[in-house]
């Protein structure tokens, strides 16, 4: 959540005039993340987030994201609620960008992850999957396997400036995954793979805790319809590796146990975990690599190191089954 677009005082006052949340008291840019321009907004009625949508977020997809957050919040999930203006609409425009004001959630993102954190996020992800089953919106995962080849091509030979030979290694990895990746709706042998609404980006900085109790899920702007097991694989990659690159199976076992305390995995999902973990590692490697090679001048943050996910990808390449993640079936 960096700041790419500045908003003036006059623009902010004009925007808030369309709401019933009072006059502005403060508006401070948040120097985190890489996707949108975000501000902590204080008004006479409370604290909110103001997001100006940039880069990968398409305007026509914003009703899906905002509608999903509203749906999940009404289902009891701890996620932000889009604030509607006087006309009943949440999506607006300011400084030439589509924008929305959303509710503020208490809590902080954990810096030192414990197995308890992992259990809690696993359980919350399962609740999200169940709560999204009757959401009417549909959005394909633009960053599933069909979206990876354009990123590889866009990075091209510059990928090998980051790591020698990386361009060709990415192409080979993509070809290998493409040959076995299940198209929606998919199966593993004769076993169907459950699918529906997923978050697709539930990294620790998108989850809030008070102590070790989960208090919020945020940043739904990659949410889509895809395999539940793929969402779980994203969590394995983002919550279960240590800073030295080692995989922590204790955290993985806790994460999956948390998930299954709410929604048990099918045999097909368990079997597919190594494939989806490998694929999600490649997905984040590619988007980080693209951002690394196409840095935005003036952004308040530096893109994240893509090679972290090269190391994770190489771990998953050697995995022979879900037991490596602490799953015994």
Protein backbone atom coordinates (compact mmCIF):
# COMPACT_ATOMS: atom_id res chain seq x y z
CA UNK A 1 0.00 0.00 0.00
CA UNK A 2 2.33 2.68 -1.27
CA UNK A 3 1.37 6.17 -2.46
CA UNK A 4 1.59 6.72 -6.21
CA UNK A 5 -1.13 9.38 -6.52
CA UNK A 6 -1.25 12.42 -4.24
CA UNK A 7 -4.59 13.84 -3.17
CA UNK A 8 -5.05 17.54 -2.41
CA UNK A 9 -7.06 18.99 0.46
CA UNK A 10 -9.67 20.37 -1.94
CA UNK A 11 -10.02 16.99 -3.65
CA UNK A 12 -10.42 15.24 -0.30
CA UNK A 13 -13.07 17.69 0.92
CA UNK A 14 -15.01 17.34 -2.32
CA UNK A 15 -14.90 13.55 -2.00
CA UNK A 16 -16.07 13.52 1.61
CA UNK A 17 -18.94 15.84 0.72
CA UNK A 18 -20.47 12.80 -1.01
CA UNK A 19 -20.56 10.86 2.30
CA UNK A 20 -22.11 11.20 5.73
CA UNK A 21 -18.89 10.52 7.66
CA UNK A 22 -18.03 14.09 8.58
CA UNK A 23 -15.26 16.49 7.61
CA UNK A 24 -11.62 15.38 7.32
CA UNK A 25 -9.37 15.70 10.36
CA UNK A 26 -6.31 13.92 8.95
CA UNK A 27 -5.18 12.06 5.85
CA UNK A 28 -1.79 10.35 5.88
CA UNK A 29 -0.25 8.21 3.14
CA UNK A 30 0.70 4.65 4.11
CA UNK A 31 4.12 3.51 2.85
CA UNK A 32 3.47 -0.23 2.62
CA UNK A 33 2.87 -2.70 -0.21
CA UNK A 34 3.20 -2.07 -3.93
CA UNK A 35 -0.24 -2.09 -5.56
CA UNK A 36 -2.43 0.93 -4.69
CA UNK A 37 -2.28 4.39 -3.12
CA UNK A 38 -3.56 4.18 0.44
CA UNK A 39 -4.29 6.78 3.08
CA UNK A 40 -5.25 6.57 6.73
CA UNK A 41 -8.22 8.90 6.86
CA UNK A 42 -9.54 10.49 10.05
CA UNK A 43 -12.90 12.26 10.02
CA UNK A 44 -15.32 13.61 12.60
CA UNK A 45 -16.95 10.16 12.81
CA UNK A 46 -13.90 7.90 13.04
CA UNK A 47 -10.96 6.36 11.24
CA UNK A 48 -11.10 4.87 7.74
CA UNK A 49 -8.90 3.78 4.86
CA UNK A 50 -9.02 5.63 1.57
CA UNK A 51 -7.72 3.58 -1.36
CA UNK A 52 -6.95 4.95 -4.83
CA UNK A 53 -6.73 2.04 -7.26
CA UNK A 54 -3.62 1.82 -9.43
CA UNK A 55 -1.69 -0.47 -11.74
CA UNK A 56 -3.02 -4.05 -11.89
CA UNK A 57 -6.48 -3.28 -10.50
CA UNK A 58 -8.99 -2.80 -13.34
CA UNK A 59 -11.87 -0.42 -12.74
CA UNK A 60 -14.42 -2.87 -14.12
CA UNK A 61 -13.37 -5.46 -11.52
CA UNK A 62 -13.77 -3.16 -8.52
CA UNK A 63 -17.48 -3.97 -7.99
CA UNK A 64 -16.45 -7.62 -7.50
CA UNK A 65 -13.88 -6.76 -4.82
CA UNK A 66 -16.06 -4.25 -2.99
CA UNK A 67 -19.13 -6.48 -3.24
CA UNK A 68 -17.16 -9.44 -1.90
CA UNK A 69 -15.89 -7.50 1.12
CA UNK A 70 -19.42 -6.36 1.89
CA UNK A 71 -20.73 -9.93 1.50
CA UNK A 72 -18.07 -11.47 3.74
CA UNK A 73 -18.44 -8.78 6.41
CA UNK A 74 -22.18 -9.46 6.55
CA UNK A 75 -21.37 -13.18 6.93
CA UNK A 76 -19.36 -12.36 10.04
CA UNK A 77 -15.85 -12.45 8.58
CA UNK A 78 -13.51 -9.84 10.12
CA UNK A 79 -12.85 -7.90 6.93
CA UNK A 80 -13.24 -4.25 5.94
CA UNK A 81 -16.64 -2.93 4.91
CA UNK A 82 -16.85 -0.49 1.99
CA UNK A 83 -18.50 2.76 3.05
CA UNK A 84 -21.36 3.85 0.81
CA UNK A 85 -21.93 7.46 -0.16
CA UNK A 86 -25.27 9.18 0.02
CA UNK A 87 -26.19 7.68 -3.34
CA UNK A 88 -25.70 4.13 -2.02
CA UNK A 89 -22.52 3.57 -4.04
CA UNK A 90 -19.11 2.69 -2.60
CA UNK A 91 -17.00 3.15 -5.74
CA UNK A 92 -16.08 6.77 -6.51
CA UNK A 93 -13.28 8.78 -8.14
CA UNK A 94 -10.70 11.25 -6.85
CA UNK A 95 -7.51 12.71 -8.36
CA UNK A 96 -8.27 10.91 -11.61
CA UNK A 97 -8.34 7.49 -9.94
CA UNK A 98 -11.19 5.19 -8.92
CA UNK A 99 -11.36 5.04 -5.14
CA UNK A 100 -13.23 3.72 -2.14
CA UNK A 101 -13.38 4.44 1.57
CA UNK A 102 -13.46 1.35 3.76
CA UNK A 103 -13.86 0.73 7.47
CA UNK A 104 -10.88 0.56 9.82
CA UNK A 105 -10.01 -2.67 11.64
CA UNK A 106 -8.02 -2.85 14.86
CA UNK A 107 -4.94 -5.03 15.01
CA UNK A 108 -1.43 -5.30 13.63
CA UNK A 109 0.28 -7.65 11.20
CA UNK A 110 2.56 -10.06 13.09
CA UNK A 111 6.30 -9.69 12.61
CA UNK A 112 7.27 -12.97 14.30
CA UNK A 113 4.93 -15.72 13.18
CA UNK A 114 4.02 -18.47 15.64
CA UNK A 115 2.21 -21.78 15.03
CA UNK A 116 -0.80 -20.20 16.75
CA UNK A 117 -0.84 -17.38 14.17
CA UNK A 118 -0.69 -20.04 11.45
CA UNK A 119 -3.56 -22.04 12.97
CA UNK A 120 -5.69 -18.90 13.19
CA UNK A 121 -5.09 -17.82 9.59
CA UNK A 122 -5.77 -21.36 8.35
CA UNK A 123 -9.12 -21.42 10.16
CA UNK A 124 -10.04 -17.92 8.93
CA UNK A 125 -9.24 -18.91 5.33
CA UNK A 126 -11.56 -21.90 5.57
CA UNK A 127 -14.30 -19.66 6.98
CA UNK A 128 -13.74 -17.27 4.06
CA UNK A 129 -14.11 -20.14 1.58
CA UNK A 130 -17.36 -21.27 3.18
CA UNK A 131 -18.77 -17.75 3.48
CA UNK A 132 -18.05 -17.06 -0.19
CA UNK A 133 -20.01 -20.04 -1.50
CA UNK A 134 -23.17 -18.01 -2.07
CA UNK A 135 -21.47 -14.86 -3.35
CA UNK A 136 -22.92 -14.18 -6.80
CA UNK A 137 -19.88 -12.47 -8.32
CA UNK A 138 -17.46 -14.29 -10.60
CA UNK A 139 -13.88 -13.29 -11.38
CA UNK A 140 -11.33 -15.61 -13.00
CA UNK A 141 -7.88 -15.66 -11.43
CA UNK A 142 -5.94 -13.39 -13.78
CA UNK A 143 -2.72 -14.49 -12.09
CA UNK A 144 -3.24 -18.22 -12.39
CA UNK A 145 -1.27 -20.21 -14.93
CA UNK A 146 -2.68 -18.44 -18.01
CA UNK A 147 -1.35 -15.15 -16.61
CA UNK A 148 2.19 -16.37 -15.96
CA UNK A 149 3.44 -16.68 -19.54
CA UNK A 150 2.80 -12.97 -20.35
CA UNK A 151 4.82 -12.05 -17.25
CA UNK A 152 7.69 -14.32 -18.32
CA UNK A 153 7.62 -12.74 -21.76
CA UNK A 154 7.45 -9.20 -20.33
CA UNK A 155 10.52 -9.82 -18.17
CA UNK A 156 12.33 -11.49 -21.08
CA UNK A 157 16.10 -11.49 -21.07
CA UNK A 158 16.16 -8.95 -18.21
CA UNK A 159 15.28 -11.82 -15.87
CA UNK A 160 18.81 -13.13 -16.33
CA UNK A 161 20.14 -9.79 -15.06
CA UNK A 162 18.64 -10.74 -11.69
CA UNK A 163 19.97 -14.30 -11.78
CA UNK A 164 22.08 -15.84 -14.52
CA UNK A 165 19.99 -18.12 -16.73
CA UNK A 166 16.72 -17.21 -14.99
CA UNK A 167 14.88 -16.41 -18.25
CA UNK A 168 15.26 -19.99 -19.51
CA UNK A 169 14.64 -21.59 -16.11
CA UNK A 170 11.33 -19.74 -15.77
CA UNK A 171 10.23 -20.89 -19.22
CA UNK A 172 11.05 -24.52 -18.37
CA UNK A 173 9.23 -24.33 -15.05
CA UNK A 174 6.17 -22.83 -16.72
CA UNK A 175 6.09 -25.57 -19.35
CA UNK A 176 6.33 -28.24 -16.66
CA UNK A 177 3.46 -26.77 -14.62
CA UNK A 178 1.30 -26.09 -17.68
CA UNK A 179 1.42 -29.79 -18.55
CA UNK A 180 -0.17 -30.81 -15.23
CA UNK A 181 -2.19 -27.78 -14.10
CA UNK A 182 -5.95 -28.52 -13.79
CA UNK A 183 -8.26 -26.17 -15.67
CA UNK A 184 -11.39 -25.06 -13.81
CA UNK A 185 -13.44 -27.02 -12.91
CA UNK A 186 -10.73 -29.60 -12.35
CA UNK A 187 -10.11 -33.05 -11.01
CA UNK A 188 -7.25 -35.10 -9.67
CA UNK A 189 -7.86 -38.45 -11.35
CA UNK A 190 -11.51 -39.17 -10.57
CA UNK A 191 -11.53 -36.78 -7.60
CA UNK A 192 -13.03 -33.28 -8.08
CA UNK A 193 -11.16 -30.27 -6.74
CA UNK A 194 -13.44 -27.92 -4.76
CA UNK A 195 -13.32 -24.31 -5.88
CA UNK A 196 -14.98 -20.97 -5.21
CA UNK A 197 -14.05 -17.54 -3.86
CA UNK A 198 -10.44 -17.30 -2.65
CA UNK A 199 -8.38 -14.42 -1.28
CA UNK A 200 -5.27 -15.33 -3.34
CA UNK A 201 -2.93 -12.93 -1.49
CA UNK A 202 -3.30 -13.64 2.22
CA UNK A 203 0.25 -12.77 3.24
CA UNK A 204 1.01 -11.87 6.87
CA UNK A 205 0.80 -8.15 6.04
CA UNK A 206 -2.81 -8.72 4.94
CA UNK A 207 -3.86 -10.28 8.25
CA UNK A 208 -4.35 -8.39 11.52
CA UNK A 209 -3.98 -9.80 15.01
CA UNK A 210 -4.47 -8.60 18.55
CA UNK A 211 -1.95 -10.74 20.38
CA UNK A 212 -2.36 -14.15 18.75
CA UNK A 213 -6.09 -13.66 18.08
CA UNK A 214 -6.92 -12.89 14.47
CA UNK A 215 -8.82 -9.60 14.16
CA UNK A 216 -8.93 -8.85 10.44
CA UNK A 217 -8.40 -9.98 6.85
CA UNK A 218 -7.61 -7.12 4.47
CA UNK A 219 -6.56 -6.29 0.89
CA UNK A 220 -8.99 -8.31 -1.23
CA UNK A 221 -7.82 -6.89 -4.57
CA UNK A 222 -6.53 -10.22 -5.91
CA UNK A 223 -9.61 -12.15 -4.76
CA UNK A 224 -11.09 -14.37 -7.44
CA UNK A 225 -12.71 -17.73 -8.14
CA UNK A 226 -10.20 -20.57 -8.08
CA UNK A 227 -9.29 -23.74 -6.21
CA UNK A 228 -9.46 -23.62 -2.42
CA UNK A 229 -6.29 -25.73 -2.26
CA UNK A 230 -4.45 -23.10 -4.31
CA UNK A 231 -5.36 -20.48 -1.68
CA UNK A 232 -4.03 -22.81 1.01
CA UNK A 233 -0.81 -23.22 -1.00
CA UNK A 234 -0.37 -19.43 -1.06
CA UNK A 235 -0.51 -19.55 2.74
CA UNK A 236 2.09 -22.32 2.90
CA UNK A 237 4.46 -20.13 0.91
CA UNK A 238 3.84 -16.92 2.81
CA UNK A 239 3.50 -18.17 6.42
CA UNK A 240 5.65 -21.30 6.73
CA UNK A 241 9.14 -20.34 5.56
CA UNK A 242 11.70 -18.84 7.92
CA UNK A 243 13.83 -15.81 7.07
CA UNK A 244 16.76 -18.10 6.23
CA UNK A 245 14.60 -19.89 3.63
CA UNK A 246 13.98 -23.04 5.69
CA UNK A 247 10.51 -24.56 5.55
CA UNK A 248 8.90 -24.85 9.00
CA UNK A 249 6.73 -27.97 8.99
CA UNK A 250 5.44 -27.20 12.51
CA UNK A 251 3.88 -23.99 11.23
CA UNK A 252 2.60 -25.78 8.13
CA UNK A 253 0.98 -28.50 10.21
CA UNK A 254 -0.65 -25.85 12.43
CA UNK A 255 -1.91 -23.90 9.41
CA UNK A 256 -3.47 -26.95 7.78
CA UNK A 257 -4.91 -28.13 11.10
CA UNK A 258 -6.53 -24.73 11.53
CA UNK A 259 -8.03 -24.94 8.06
CA UNK A 260 -9.33 -28.46 8.60
CA UNK A 261 -10.84 -27.50 11.96
CA UNK A 262 -13.38 -25.57 9.87
CA UNK A 263 -13.37 -27.31 6.47
CA UNK A 264 -11.69 -30.73 6.02
CA UNK A 265 -9.65 -31.12 2.86
CA UNK A 266 -10.66 -33.70 0.29
CA UNK A 267 -8.22 -36.40 -0.78
CA UNK A 268 -7.89 -34.64 -4.14
CA UNK A 269 -6.92 -31.38 -2.43
CA UNK A 270 -4.30 -33.09 -0.29
CA UNK A 271 -2.84 -34.76 -3.39
CA UNK A 272 -2.75 -31.42 -5.24
CA UNK A 273 -0.97 -29.41 -2.53
CA UNK A 274 2.60 -29.89 -3.87
CA UNK A 275 1.52 -28.80 -7.37
CA UNK A 276 -0.34 -25.74 -6.11
CA UNK A 277 2.48 -24.79 -3.72
CA UNK A 278 4.93 -24.93 -6.61
CA UNK A 279 2.60 -22.94 -8.85
CA UNK A 280 1.89 -20.24 -6.28
CA UNK A 281 5.63 -19.88 -5.66
CA UNK A 282 6.13 -19.27 -9.38
CA UNK A 283 3.24 -16.78 -9.45
CA UNK A 284 4.76 -14.59 -6.72
CA UNK A 285 8.24 -14.96 -8.14
CA UNK A 286 6.98 -13.63 -11.48
CA UNK A 287 4.99 -10.67 -10.15
CA UNK A 288 7.86 -9.68 -7.84
CA UNK A 289 10.34 -10.06 -10.70
CA UNK A 290 8.18 -7.89 -12.98
CA UNK A 291 7.88 -5.20 -10.29
CA UNK A 292 11.63 -5.40 -9.59
CA UNK A 293 12.40 -4.79 -13.26
CA UNK A 294 9.73 -2.06 -13.66
CA UNK A 295 10.06 0.05 -10.55
CA UNK A 296 7.77 3.07 -10.28
CA UNK A 297 9.67 6.36 -9.85
CA UNK A 298 8.69 8.16 -6.67
CA UNK A 299 7.03 5.21 -4.94
CA UNK A 300 7.59 5.22 -1.19
CA UNK A 301 8.61 1.57 -1.05
CA UNK A 302 11.02 -0.67 -2.90
CA UNK A 303 9.62 -3.80 -4.58
CA UNK A 304 10.21 -7.06 -2.75
CA UNK A 305 13.09 -9.36 -3.67
CA UNK A 306 11.84 -11.93 -6.21
CA UNK A 307 14.59 -14.41 -5.40
CA UNK A 308 12.95 -15.25 -2.07
CA UNK A 309 10.35 -17.08 -4.12
CA UNK A 310 12.94 -18.73 -6.34
CA UNK A 311 14.24 -20.42 -3.19
CA UNK A 312 10.72 -21.48 -2.19
CA UNK A 313 10.00 -22.80 -5.67
CA UNK A 314 13.10 -24.96 -5.52
CA UNK A 315 11.94 -26.43 -2.20
CA UNK A 316 8.57 -27.44 -3.69
CA UNK A 317 10.25 -28.99 -6.73
CA UNK A 318 11.76 -31.61 -4.42
CA UNK A 319 8.55 -32.38 -2.52
CA UNK A 320 7.23 -35.90 -3.16
CA UNK A 321 3.87 -35.57 -1.42
CA UNK A 322 1.71 -33.65 1.04
CA UNK A 323 3.47 -35.30 3.98
CA UNK A 324 6.26 -32.74 3.45
CA UNK A 325 3.73 -30.14 4.62
CA UNK A 326 2.72 -32.14 7.70
CA UNK A 327 -0.36 -33.76 6.16
CA UNK A 328 -0.73 -37.48 6.83
CA UNK A 329 -3.38 -39.27 4.78
